[in-house]
Protein backbone atom coordinates (compact mmCIF):
# COMPACT_ATOMS: atom_id res chain seq x y z
CA MET A 1 126.47 131.34 98.02
CA SER A 2 123.67 131.47 95.45
CA GLU A 3 120.01 131.65 96.37
CA PRO A 4 118.14 128.33 96.49
CA SER A 5 116.33 127.17 93.40
CA GLN A 6 112.72 128.18 92.94
CA SER A 7 112.04 125.50 90.36
CA GLY A 8 112.52 122.12 92.02
CA THR A 9 113.94 120.77 88.73
CA ALA A 10 117.39 121.22 87.20
CA ILE A 11 119.04 120.33 83.91
CA PHE A 12 122.77 119.58 84.09
CA LEU A 13 124.78 120.17 80.91
CA GLN A 14 128.45 119.29 80.36
CA ASP A 15 130.32 120.74 77.37
CA ALA A 16 133.15 118.20 77.68
CA CYS A 17 130.69 115.54 76.51
CA TYR A 18 130.79 117.03 73.01
CA LEU A 19 134.46 116.03 72.73
CA HIS A 20 133.87 112.28 72.44
CA ARG A 21 133.72 111.66 68.68
CA PHE A 22 134.36 109.09 65.98
CA ILE A 23 137.74 109.64 64.26
CA ARG A 24 138.29 106.32 62.49
CA SER A 25 137.32 107.94 59.21
CA ALA A 26 135.79 111.11 57.82
CA ASP A 27 132.60 109.23 56.94
CA LEU A 28 130.19 109.83 59.83
CA SER A 29 127.00 108.95 57.95
CA LEU A 30 126.42 105.74 59.90
CA ILE A 31 127.47 106.98 63.34
CA VAL A 32 124.42 107.23 65.58
CA GLU A 33 126.04 107.91 68.99
CA ARG A 34 127.27 111.39 68.06
CA PRO A 35 127.89 114.74 69.80
CA GLU A 36 124.89 116.27 68.03
CA ARG A 37 122.61 114.16 70.24
CA LEU A 38 123.12 116.73 73.00
CA ARG A 39 122.13 119.57 70.68
CA ALA A 40 118.84 117.86 69.78
CA LEU A 41 118.12 117.23 73.45
CA LYS A 42 118.64 120.91 74.19
CA VAL A 43 116.08 121.80 71.52
CA GLY A 44 113.54 119.59 73.29
CA PHE A 45 114.35 121.07 76.69
CA SER A 46 114.04 124.61 75.33
CA ALA A 47 110.65 123.84 73.82
CA ALA A 48 109.44 122.25 77.07
CA ILE A 49 110.43 125.32 79.08
CA ALA A 50 108.82 127.69 76.57
CA ARG A 51 105.58 125.71 76.57
CA LEU A 52 105.41 125.46 80.36
CA GLU A 53 106.09 129.19 80.71
CA GLU A 54 103.32 129.87 78.23
CA GLY A 55 100.87 128.05 80.47
CA ILE A 56 101.60 130.16 83.54
CA THR A 57 99.53 133.32 84.06
CA VAL A 58 101.27 136.67 84.36
CA ASP A 59 100.53 136.91 88.11
CA GLU A 60 101.91 133.43 88.71
CA LYS A 61 105.06 134.29 86.77
CA ARG A 62 105.63 137.32 88.98
CA GLU A 63 105.23 135.20 92.09
CA THR A 64 107.86 132.69 90.90
CA GLU A 65 110.45 135.38 90.17
CA SER A 66 112.77 136.10 93.08
CA THR A 67 114.29 139.49 93.73
CA ASP A 68 117.69 138.48 92.39
CA VAL A 69 116.68 137.90 88.75
CA LEU A 70 116.56 140.31 85.84
CA ASN A 71 113.20 140.66 84.12
CA GLY A 72 113.21 139.36 80.56
CA ASN A 73 111.38 142.51 79.39
CA ASP A 74 114.36 144.76 80.16
CA THR A 75 115.85 146.45 77.14
CA GLU A 76 119.02 145.03 75.68
CA ASN A 77 121.04 148.05 76.83
CA GLU A 78 119.75 147.71 80.39
CA LEU A 79 120.53 144.01 80.34
CA ALA A 80 124.03 144.66 79.00
CA ALA A 81 124.70 147.25 81.68
CA ALA A 82 123.49 144.89 84.39
CA LEU A 83 125.60 142.05 83.10
CA GLU A 84 128.73 144.19 83.21
CA LYS A 85 128.18 144.82 86.92
CA LEU A 86 127.07 141.41 88.08
CA ASP A 87 128.84 138.09 88.55
CA ILE A 88 126.88 135.65 86.38
CA LEU A 89 126.52 132.15 87.78
CA GLN A 90 127.21 129.05 85.77
CA ASP A 91 123.46 128.48 86.20
CA THR A 92 121.43 130.05 83.39
CA ARG A 93 118.18 130.72 85.18
CA VAL A 94 114.71 130.48 83.74
CA ASN A 95 111.57 130.35 85.83
CA ILE A 96 110.66 126.74 85.11
CA VAL A 97 113.99 124.97 85.71
CA ASP A 98 117.58 125.67 86.66
CA ILE A 99 119.90 125.08 83.72
CA ILE A 100 123.31 124.29 85.16
CA ALA A 101 126.37 124.34 82.92
CA SER A 102 128.67 122.01 84.80
CA SER A 103 132.45 121.96 84.61
CA ALA A 104 132.75 119.15 87.14
CA THR A 105 135.13 116.29 86.40
CA VAL A 106 136.73 113.37 88.19
CA ASN A 107 140.05 111.60 87.96
CA ILE A 108 138.98 108.02 87.32
CA LEU A 109 142.18 106.73 88.94
CA ASP A 110 141.64 108.79 92.09
CA ASN A 111 137.93 108.73 92.80
CA LYS A 112 136.51 106.33 95.35
CA ALA A 113 133.11 105.94 93.66
CA VAL A 114 134.67 105.11 90.29
CA LYS A 115 137.07 102.67 91.92
CA PHE A 116 134.22 101.13 93.94
CA VAL A 117 132.53 100.24 90.63
CA HIS A 118 135.34 99.77 88.09
CA GLY A 119 138.39 99.24 90.30
CA ASP A 120 140.28 96.00 90.80
CA ILE A 121 141.80 94.47 93.91
CA ASP A 122 144.95 93.68 91.93
CA GLY A 123 145.23 97.18 90.43
CA ASP A 124 143.18 99.41 88.18
CA VAL A 125 143.72 97.28 85.09
CA TYR A 126 140.58 98.35 83.26
CA LEU A 127 140.73 102.06 84.15
CA GLU A 128 144.41 102.31 83.28
CA GLY A 129 143.72 100.50 80.03
CA LEU A 130 140.92 102.94 79.16
CA ILE A 131 143.24 105.89 79.66
CA LYS A 132 145.90 104.21 77.53
CA TRP A 133 143.43 103.52 74.72
CA THR A 134 142.36 107.15 74.53
CA LYS A 135 145.91 108.47 74.56
CA GLU A 136 147.00 106.09 71.80
CA SER A 137 143.82 106.31 69.73
CA MET A 138 145.00 108.79 67.11
CA ASN A 139 148.32 107.04 66.50
CA LYS A 140 146.58 103.65 66.25
CA ILE A 141 144.27 104.97 63.56
CA LYS A 142 147.05 106.73 61.64
CA GLU A 143 148.90 103.43 61.58
CA GLY A 144 145.91 101.80 59.91
CA GLY A 145 144.60 99.97 62.95
CA SER A 146 141.74 100.44 65.38
CA GLU A 147 141.81 102.37 68.62
CA ILE A 148 139.61 99.69 70.20
CA PRO A 149 141.39 96.51 71.39
CA GLU A 150 140.67 93.50 69.21
CA HIS A 151 138.84 91.55 71.92
CA LEU A 152 136.19 94.29 72.17
CA SER A 153 133.38 95.08 69.73
CA GLN A 154 134.66 97.18 66.85
CA GLY A 155 131.13 98.06 65.79
CA ASP A 156 129.69 99.70 68.91
CA LEU A 157 132.76 101.26 70.53
CA TYR A 158 135.00 104.12 69.49
CA LEU A 159 137.44 106.51 71.17
CA CYS A 160 139.45 109.64 70.48
CA PRO A 161 142.10 111.46 72.56
CA GLU A 162 139.46 113.74 74.09
CA SER A 163 137.13 110.88 75.03
CA LEU A 164 138.71 110.71 78.48
CA ASP A 165 137.69 114.34 79.11
CA ALA A 166 134.13 113.48 78.08
CA ILE A 167 134.00 110.36 80.26
CA GLN A 168 135.44 112.09 83.32
CA GLY A 169 133.24 115.13 82.73
CA ALA A 170 130.15 112.95 82.45
CA LEU A 171 130.96 111.22 85.73
CA GLY A 172 131.76 114.51 87.44
CA THR A 173 128.48 116.02 86.30
CA VAL A 174 126.23 113.19 87.45
CA CYS A 175 128.03 113.16 90.81
CA GLU A 176 127.57 116.92 91.05
CA ALA A 177 123.84 116.40 90.49
CA VAL A 178 123.83 113.88 93.34
CA ASP A 179 125.63 116.36 95.60
CA LYS A 180 123.26 119.24 94.87
CA ILE A 181 120.12 117.18 95.32
CA MET A 182 121.31 115.43 98.48
CA VAL A 183 122.48 118.66 100.11
CA ALA A 184 119.31 120.50 99.08
CA SER A 185 117.21 117.70 100.52
CA GLN A 186 119.09 117.77 103.82
CA ASP A 187 118.78 121.57 104.05
CA THR A 188 115.07 121.35 103.23
CA GLN A 189 114.40 118.82 105.98
CA GLU A 190 116.31 120.88 108.53
CA GLU A 191 114.52 124.09 107.62
CA GLU A 192 111.12 122.39 107.54
CA SER A 193 111.72 121.07 111.07
CA LYS A 194 112.41 124.64 112.20
CA GLY A 195 109.55 126.15 110.21
CA LEU A 196 111.96 128.33 108.25
CA LEU A 197 111.60 126.95 104.72
CA THR A 198 110.45 129.61 102.27
CA ASP A 199 112.07 128.54 98.99
CA LYS A 200 111.63 125.45 96.85
CA ARG A 201 114.94 123.70 96.28
CA ILE A 202 116.17 121.37 93.55
CA SER A 203 114.71 117.93 94.18
CA ASN A 204 115.00 116.29 90.75
CA ALA A 205 117.21 116.68 87.70
CA PHE A 206 118.00 115.55 84.20
CA VAL A 207 121.71 115.00 83.50
CA ALA A 208 122.48 115.32 79.78
CA ILE A 209 125.78 113.49 79.34
CA ARG A 210 127.47 111.11 76.92
CA PRO A 211 128.90 108.57 76.26
CA PRO A 212 126.10 106.53 77.84
CA GLY A 213 126.77 103.92 80.50
CA HIS A 214 124.20 101.19 81.12
CA HIS A 215 125.86 98.51 78.96
CA CYS A 216 129.21 98.82 80.76
CA GLY A 217 129.96 96.30 83.48
CA GLU A 218 132.84 96.24 85.91
CA ASP A 219 135.49 95.94 83.19
CA THR A 220 133.45 95.29 80.04
CA PRO A 221 132.78 98.29 77.79
CA SER A 222 129.96 97.61 75.37
CA GLY A 223 127.23 99.28 73.33
CA PHE A 224 128.79 102.80 73.23
CA CYS A 225 129.44 102.64 77.02
CA PHE A 226 132.87 102.80 78.74
CA VAL A 227 131.89 103.51 82.36
CA ASN A 228 128.56 103.06 84.11
CA ASN A 229 127.46 106.60 84.90
CA VAL A 230 124.40 105.71 86.99
CA ILE A 231 126.07 103.03 89.12
CA VAL A 232 129.04 105.34 89.80
CA ALA A 233 126.56 108.04 90.83
CA ALA A 234 124.83 105.54 93.12
CA ALA A 235 128.17 104.60 94.68
CA HIS A 236 128.98 108.30 95.10
CA ALA A 237 125.66 108.83 96.92
CA HIS A 238 126.40 105.84 99.15
CA LEU A 239 130.00 106.71 99.99
CA ASN A 240 129.55 110.45 100.41
CA HIS A 241 125.96 110.95 101.55
CA GLY A 242 125.05 107.80 103.45
CA VAL A 243 122.50 106.55 100.91
CA ARG A 244 121.63 102.93 101.77
CA LYS A 245 119.15 102.11 99.02
CA VAL A 246 119.05 103.10 95.35
CA VAL A 247 116.25 102.53 92.85
CA ILE A 248 117.19 102.48 89.14
CA PHE A 249 114.44 102.56 86.52
CA ASP A 250 115.91 101.77 83.08
CA ILE A 251 113.60 102.74 80.21
CA ASP A 252 116.09 102.43 77.36
CA LEU A 253 115.08 100.24 74.39
CA HIS A 254 118.00 97.96 75.23
CA HIS A 255 118.54 95.96 78.39
CA GLY A 256 121.07 97.58 80.71
CA ASN A 257 123.12 94.43 81.10
CA GLY A 258 126.06 96.29 82.63
CA THR A 259 123.92 98.04 85.23
CA GLN A 260 122.17 94.82 86.21
CA SER A 261 125.46 92.95 86.50
CA LEU A 262 126.97 95.63 88.74
CA ALA A 263 123.81 95.88 90.84
CA TRP A 264 123.94 92.12 91.30
CA GLN A 265 127.57 92.27 92.47
CA ILE A 266 126.91 95.10 94.91
CA ASN A 267 123.79 93.41 96.30
CA GLU A 268 125.69 90.14 96.63
CA GLU A 269 128.40 91.77 98.72
CA THR A 270 125.87 93.54 100.94
CA TYR A 271 123.94 90.28 101.39
CA ARG A 272 127.16 88.49 102.44
CA GLN A 273 127.90 91.26 104.95
CA ASN A 274 124.38 90.94 106.39
CA LEU A 275 124.76 87.18 106.79
CA GLU A 276 128.06 87.66 108.63
CA VAL A 277 126.42 90.14 111.01
CA GLU A 278 123.54 87.75 111.63
CA ALA A 279 126.06 84.99 112.35
CA GLY A 280 127.57 87.04 115.16
CA SER A 281 130.45 88.80 113.43
CA GLN A 282 131.47 92.14 114.88
CA GLY A 283 130.21 95.33 113.33
CA THR A 284 127.04 96.16 111.41
CA SER A 285 126.33 95.96 107.72
CA ALA A 286 126.22 99.33 106.01
CA GLY A 287 126.30 98.10 102.45
CA LEU A 288 124.45 99.52 99.48
CA GLU A 289 121.31 97.81 98.14
CA ILE A 290 120.10 98.45 94.59
CA PHE A 291 116.78 97.80 92.90
CA TYR A 292 117.26 97.52 89.14
CA GLY A 293 114.12 97.54 87.00
CA SER A 294 114.16 97.61 83.22
CA ILE A 295 111.58 97.90 80.42
CA HIS A 296 113.28 96.81 77.19
CA ASP A 297 113.11 94.87 73.95
CA VAL A 298 114.54 91.38 74.54
CA LEU A 299 114.95 90.94 70.76
CA SER A 300 117.38 93.85 70.48
CA PHE A 301 121.01 94.37 71.55
CA PRO A 302 122.55 92.87 73.67
CA CYS A 303 120.16 89.93 73.25
CA GLU A 304 119.78 90.12 69.48
CA ASP A 305 122.16 87.27 68.72
CA GLY A 306 120.28 84.99 71.10
CA VAL A 307 123.22 84.44 73.46
CA PRO A 308 121.59 82.40 76.28
CA SER A 309 123.25 84.27 79.15
CA MET A 310 122.17 87.63 77.73
CA VAL A 311 118.58 86.59 77.11
CA GLN A 312 118.34 84.98 80.55
CA ALA A 313 119.77 88.05 82.29
CA ALA A 314 117.31 90.30 80.44
CA SER A 315 114.39 88.12 81.54
CA VAL A 316 115.11 87.45 85.21
CA SER A 317 112.94 88.85 88.00
CA ILE A 318 113.95 88.20 91.60
CA HIS A 319 112.90 90.09 94.70
CA GLY A 320 114.61 89.55 98.02
CA SER A 321 116.07 86.10 97.50
CA HIS A 322 119.88 86.09 97.83
CA GLY A 323 119.67 89.83 98.44
CA GLN A 324 118.75 90.55 94.82
CA HIS A 325 116.14 93.04 93.64
CA ILE A 326 115.74 92.78 89.87
CA GLU A 327 112.69 93.26 87.63
CA ASN A 328 112.77 92.90 83.83
CA ILE A 329 109.75 93.67 81.67
CA HIS A 330 109.77 93.06 77.91
CA LEU A 331 108.36 95.63 75.52
CA GLN A 332 105.49 94.48 73.31
CA GLU A 333 103.98 95.78 70.11
CA TYR A 334 100.90 97.92 70.52
CA ARG A 335 98.11 98.34 67.99
CA SER A 336 96.94 101.81 68.98
CA GLU A 337 97.44 104.55 71.55
CA GLU A 338 94.34 103.29 73.36
CA ASP A 339 95.80 99.79 73.49
CA PHE A 340 99.03 101.14 74.95
CA TRP A 341 97.49 103.36 77.63
CA GLU A 342 94.54 101.16 78.59
CA ASP A 343 96.36 97.83 78.61
CA LEU A 344 100.15 97.73 78.26
CA TYR A 345 101.12 100.65 80.47
CA PRO A 346 98.81 100.07 83.47
CA ASN A 347 98.85 96.27 83.37
CA LYS A 348 102.46 95.62 82.42
CA TYR A 349 104.93 98.51 82.35
CA SER A 350 103.80 100.23 85.54
CA GLY A 351 104.66 96.98 87.33
CA LEU A 352 108.19 98.35 87.47
CA LEU A 353 107.07 100.94 90.00
CA SER A 354 104.96 98.56 92.09
CA LYS A 355 107.90 96.14 92.43
CA ALA A 356 110.14 99.03 93.45
CA GLU A 357 107.63 99.94 96.17
CA GLU A 358 108.16 96.55 97.77
CA PHE A 359 111.90 97.27 97.86
CA VAL A 360 111.66 100.70 99.50
CA LYS A 361 108.94 100.11 102.10
CA GLY A 362 110.10 101.19 105.54
CA THR A 363 113.25 102.90 104.23
CA ASP A 364 114.24 106.25 105.70
CA PRO A 365 113.66 108.75 102.81
CA SER A 366 116.97 110.43 103.61
CA GLN A 367 118.77 107.16 102.80
CA LEU A 368 117.00 106.54 99.48
CA LEU A 369 117.77 107.92 96.01
CA VAL A 370 115.96 107.24 92.71
CA PHE A 371 117.53 107.21 89.24
CA ILE A 372 116.13 106.86 85.74
CA SER A 373 118.47 105.43 83.11
CA CYS A 374 116.70 107.46 80.49
CA GLY A 375 117.13 106.08 77.00
CA PHE A 376 114.77 107.50 74.37
CA ASP A 377 115.49 104.90 71.68
CA ALA A 378 112.19 103.05 72.14
CA CYS A 379 110.45 106.22 70.95
CA GLU A 380 108.08 106.05 68.00
CA HIS A 381 110.36 108.49 66.15
CA GLU A 382 113.58 106.46 66.44
CA TYR A 383 115.48 105.21 63.38
CA PRO A 384 113.81 102.10 61.93
CA SER A 385 117.12 100.26 62.12
CA MET A 386 117.31 100.83 65.87
CA SER A 387 113.72 99.73 66.53
CA ARG A 388 113.53 97.15 63.78
CA HIS A 389 111.57 94.71 65.96
CA ASN A 390 108.80 97.30 66.33
CA ARG A 391 108.97 97.37 70.12
CA ARG A 392 108.14 101.04 70.42
CA VAL A 393 106.40 103.41 72.80
CA PRO A 394 104.49 106.63 72.06
CA THR A 395 106.35 109.84 72.89
CA SER A 396 103.93 110.54 75.74
CA PHE A 397 105.37 107.51 77.54
CA TYR A 398 108.40 109.63 78.50
CA HIS A 399 106.11 112.23 80.06
CA ARG A 400 103.91 109.74 81.90
CA PHE A 401 106.81 107.69 83.25
CA ALA A 402 108.58 110.85 84.47
CA VAL A 403 105.41 111.90 86.30
CA ASP A 404 105.02 108.46 87.87
CA ALA A 405 108.70 108.27 88.83
CA ARG A 406 108.53 111.79 90.31
CA ASN A 407 105.47 110.82 92.37
CA PHE A 408 107.27 107.66 93.48
CA ALA A 409 110.30 109.71 94.55
CA CYS A 410 108.12 112.23 96.38
CA LYS A 411 106.36 109.43 98.27
CA PHE A 412 109.41 107.42 99.26
CA ALA A 413 112.60 109.51 98.75
CA ALA A 414 111.64 113.08 99.67
CA GLY A 415 111.46 113.84 95.94
CA LYS A 416 115.07 112.95 95.16
CA LEU A 417 115.14 111.80 91.51
CA ILE A 418 117.92 111.98 88.90
CA SER A 419 117.30 111.08 85.26
CA VAL A 420 120.45 110.37 83.23
CA LEU A 421 120.71 110.19 79.44
CA GLU A 422 121.39 106.77 77.95
CA GLY A 423 120.25 106.01 74.38
CA GLY A 424 118.14 107.87 71.83
CA TYR A 425 119.69 108.66 68.46
CA SER A 426 117.52 110.43 65.88
CA ASP A 427 117.08 114.18 66.33
CA ARG A 428 113.30 113.87 66.37
CA THR A 429 113.46 111.17 69.03
CA LEU A 430 115.65 113.28 71.30
CA ILE A 431 113.71 116.49 70.74
CA SER A 432 110.32 114.93 71.39
CA GLY A 433 111.45 112.58 74.16
CA GLY A 434 113.45 115.26 75.94
CA MET A 435 110.55 117.68 75.72
CA ALA A 436 107.99 115.20 77.05
CA HIS A 437 110.28 113.88 79.81
CA LEU A 438 111.22 117.31 81.15
CA CYS A 439 107.53 118.28 81.23
CA GLY A 440 107.02 115.25 83.45
CA LEU A 441 109.92 115.99 85.79
CA VAL A 442 108.65 119.52 86.40
CA ASP A 443 105.77 119.77 88.85
CA SER A 444 103.57 121.55 86.32
CA HIS A 445 100.50 121.30 88.55
CA SER A 446 102.05 123.49 91.23
CA LEU A 447 102.99 125.99 88.53
CA GLY A 448 99.44 126.14 87.22
CA ALA A 449 100.53 124.89 83.79
CA GLU A 450 98.67 122.16 81.93
CA VAL A 451 100.87 119.83 79.87
CA LYS A 452 99.37 118.98 76.48
CA GLU A 453 100.42 116.05 74.32
CA GLU A 454 99.96 118.20 71.21
CA TRP A 455 103.13 120.02 72.22
CA TRP A 456 105.16 117.15 70.75
CA SER A 457 102.89 116.52 67.77
CA ILE A 458 104.47 115.98 64.36
CA ASP A 459 103.49 119.49 63.22
CA ASN A 460 105.08 121.15 66.24
CA LEU A 461 108.19 118.96 66.02
CA THR A 462 108.55 119.97 62.39
CA LEU A 463 108.40 123.64 63.40
CA LEU A 464 111.08 123.08 66.04
CA GLU A 465 113.35 121.27 63.62
CA LYS A 466 112.90 124.00 61.04
CA MET A 467 113.60 126.67 63.64
CA THR A 468 116.91 125.21 64.77
CA ARG A 469 118.15 123.95 61.41
CA LYS A 470 121.33 125.75 60.39
CA LYS A 471 121.00 127.73 57.17
CA ARG A 472 123.26 129.89 55.07
CA GLY A 473 123.41 133.57 55.83
CA GLY A 474 122.46 133.13 59.47
CA LYS A 475 118.76 132.82 58.72
CA VAL A 476 116.37 130.76 60.77
CA SER A 477 112.71 130.11 60.24
CA LEU A 478 110.43 130.96 63.14
CA GLY A 479 106.72 130.34 63.48
CA GLY A 480 103.91 132.75 62.83
CA PRO A 481 102.51 135.45 65.12
CA GLY A 482 100.55 132.90 67.14
CA GLU A 483 103.62 130.86 67.98
CA LYS A 484 105.40 132.96 70.58
CA TRP A 485 106.49 129.77 72.33
CA LEU A 486 108.63 128.97 69.31
CA GLU A 487 110.49 132.27 69.53
CA ARG A 488 110.98 131.79 73.24
CA ALA A 489 112.23 128.24 72.68
CA PHE A 490 114.71 129.52 70.15
CA ALA A 491 115.98 132.20 72.54
CA ILE A 492 116.47 129.63 75.32
CA PHE A 493 118.14 127.21 72.92
CA GLN A 494 120.59 129.88 71.77
CA SER A 495 121.52 130.64 75.35
CA ILE A 496 122.46 127.04 76.16
CA GLU A 497 123.81 125.77 72.84
CA THR A 498 127.54 125.12 72.60
CA ILE A 499 129.53 125.06 69.38
CA LEU A 500 132.55 122.81 69.49
CA THR A 501 134.30 122.21 66.19
CA PRO A 502 137.27 119.80 66.39
CA SER A 503 140.45 121.18 64.93
CA ALA A 504 140.95 120.03 61.35
CA SER A 505 144.59 119.27 62.12
CA LYS A 506 143.50 116.61 64.60
CA MET A 507 141.39 114.72 62.10
CA PRO A 508 143.33 112.03 60.23
CA ALA A 509 143.02 112.08 56.47
CA ARG A 510 141.76 108.57 55.95
CA PRO A 511 139.30 106.99 53.54
CA PRO A 512 135.96 105.65 54.81
CA SER A 513 136.40 102.69 57.11
CA SER A 514 134.56 99.40 56.96
CA ARG A 515 134.30 99.52 60.76
CA VAL A 516 131.17 101.45 61.61
CA LEU A 517 128.66 101.63 64.41
CA ARG A 518 125.12 100.30 64.16
CA GLU A 519 124.00 100.80 60.60
CA ARG A 520 120.95 102.88 59.79
CA LYS A 521 119.50 100.77 57.01
CA PRO A 522 116.01 99.55 56.21
CA PRO A 523 114.98 96.84 58.67
CA SER A 524 115.17 94.07 56.11
CA THR A 525 118.85 94.65 55.40
CA VAL A 526 120.21 95.40 58.87
CA THR A 527 122.40 92.78 60.47
CA SER A 528 122.90 92.43 64.19
CA PRO A 529 126.11 93.64 65.84
CA LYS A 530 128.85 91.07 65.62
CA GLY A 531 130.70 89.62 68.55
CA SER A 532 129.36 88.70 71.94
CA PRO A 533 130.44 90.56 75.07
CA LYS A 534 133.57 89.46 76.82
CA ALA A 535 132.98 87.00 79.65
CA ARG A 536 132.89 88.80 82.99
CA ARG A 537 135.24 87.83 85.74
CA THR A 538 133.85 87.18 89.20
CA ARG A 539 135.27 88.73 92.32
CA GLY A 540 134.13 90.46 95.48
CA LYS A 541 133.62 94.20 95.57
CA VAL A 542 136.51 96.39 96.61
CA ALA A 543 136.12 97.30 100.27
CA ILE A 544 135.40 100.95 100.92
CA ASP A 545 138.48 101.38 103.09
CA GLU A 546 140.68 100.06 100.28
CA VAL A 547 139.81 102.72 97.74
CA LEU A 548 141.44 106.12 97.50
CA SER A 549 139.80 109.32 98.70
CA ALA A 550 137.80 111.40 96.26
CA ALA A 551 139.58 114.08 94.26
CA SER A 552 138.32 117.61 94.28
CA THR A 553 136.13 117.72 91.19
CA SER A 554 134.26 120.80 90.20
CA SER A 555 135.56 124.26 89.41
CA GLY A 556 133.69 127.20 87.87
CA GLU A 557 134.77 129.89 85.47
CA SER A 558 136.80 132.74 86.92
CA ILE A 559 135.51 136.30 87.05
CA ASP A 560 138.10 137.29 84.43
CA GLU A 561 136.83 134.61 82.05
CA ILE A 562 133.26 135.78 82.50
CA GLU A 563 134.26 139.42 81.94
CA LYS A 564 136.02 138.50 78.69
CA LYS A 565 132.89 136.75 77.46
CA LEU A 566 130.76 139.76 78.34
CA GLU A 567 133.12 142.08 76.47
CA SER A 568 132.80 139.87 73.39
CA LEU A 569 128.98 140.14 73.30
CA ASP A 570 127.48 141.93 70.32
CA LEU A 571 124.42 143.52 71.88
CA ASP A 572 123.50 145.57 68.82
CA LYS A 573 123.06 142.78 66.32
CA ALA A 574 121.35 139.43 66.73
CA LYS A 575 123.26 136.35 65.61
CA PRO A 576 120.64 133.62 65.57
CA ASP A 577 122.57 131.04 63.62
CA ALA A 578 125.37 128.94 65.06
CA GLU A 579 127.40 129.11 61.84
CA ASP A 580 127.90 132.84 62.30
CA ALA A 581 129.77 132.32 65.58
CA LYS A 582 133.24 130.93 65.97
CA ALA A 583 133.78 127.77 67.98
CA GLY A 584 133.34 128.42 71.66
CA ALA A 585 132.30 132.06 71.18
CA MET A 586 129.48 133.34 73.35
CA LYS A 587 126.36 134.37 71.45
CA LYS A 588 124.09 137.34 72.08
CA VAL A 589 122.20 137.04 75.35
CA PRO A 590 118.54 136.46 74.48
CA ARG A 591 115.57 137.77 76.38
CA ILE A 592 115.87 135.19 79.12
CA ILE A 593 115.73 135.49 82.87
CA LEU A 594 119.19 135.00 84.29
CA ARG A 595 120.05 134.22 87.86
CA VAL A 596 122.76 136.23 89.55
CA LYS A 597 124.41 135.76 92.88
CA GLU A 598 124.96 138.31 95.57
CA PRO A 599 128.56 139.29 96.41
CA GLU A 600 130.07 136.90 98.92
CA MET A 601 130.63 138.38 102.36
CA PRO A 602 134.30 138.69 103.39
């Protein structure tokens, strides 16, 4: 068993999420929900870690290093020799956070949390259909058709044969994050009660997965989303860890209509169970209750076409009546940073947290879990076509909200907080938003590091983009002598970046298609997505005892696989550019602190 985390914060990465891609044509110029989103997010994370490390004094750094890590100042030969002898964890360890490369997956037809959310009393019609669509996607396109059924939006949905791996990997990873945080929290409470706690364990995490999920309802894929990652994770926490209440803060530009719909269904069923108990029925209610709170632009998708039901759903606020706990706050234009921080944020947007407080009062912290549906597409750096109604937020919003949500989780849920990627599409949006948000999730105060908004200034973002831009000849541009953080960020980025190039033989040779995702055009020429979402059917939730047991999900790399990767390392020559490495090949290990695990006792 590995040593407990020293950081308190973890980042979960899932390589399978790169596999979901648009194959309808070779023209990808208008595709905004793309695999490269994860790469940009990693750049932001790397920069955040480098900046936070820079703010810690040398003595403090030494105190945070445990005895089972290799010092980053070791020579390359010493590091290589150590790596040959040690069993490297999937977790790439740095002092500030744990970076966990997950290989977890689920079988969507044999997982009780997935079936709790997307299953059907009469059979898994939707889940079976989703599998069928992915398997047939390539043939459908080669035949000149679409891989997406005609009754669904052709503009905001796409699939490929590997999309199922991405979807199941995304679900497996967010459920793995739930497992690690819930188990760590339980261990922490037990050790604290005995006075034995000496190490800080993972209490919050960011889960970098795609495709996103908050527009997907019970059986209604929409807006790039095919399953609802956060609601499945909430169901997993309820079914496997006894969580009774879940708080979901949705800060995506777009209303999470799927998440709200599912939360409403789950709350409705729990409310019915409570009424039956009060009426004298046998047994006690142990249902799940969900608070869903969203800050979004009511003028944008899915409300852009003015469909009454969509606009009404995105505007409702109800607390306690009929067992519902919903708060919707509409984004507004702001004239200046001062206007945003002195008026809009404290007087309007922070109301999301105060309403959530009413929901959690008196709840046992062990039975409460907090999520952030973290979309970055309201960021000031997002494509104009995505934020064409000018409902934006400054980048620092993602830092401030993460700090406030972390404080909320510490106060009411023993620190348990999981932020999950939703939207956010331009590279600059993801780099800056990811950087600011991670700085907020990390308890920088306890580390002695001061977070500065200038870290995600335009000048520094430009340097980051220049650093990680692929160039011919394997050259990259780093900053000057006074920008050591940039070199460190690049080293961290190299250690966590994955190169996945789809086989050319799998790509159909087809001309550009007229069916594209949301267009990136000037605001005056952009049209709203066509087609309104399919009408939802109404039914009760599947009873827990009617769903199948969970499948065994996660599995790590074998020792042989790790040894092969180590043998392939070129420790004599740096290879800083991704184009110099073949797909899937492991790059040179940078000067980064790695965590190792002690040999398991027989």
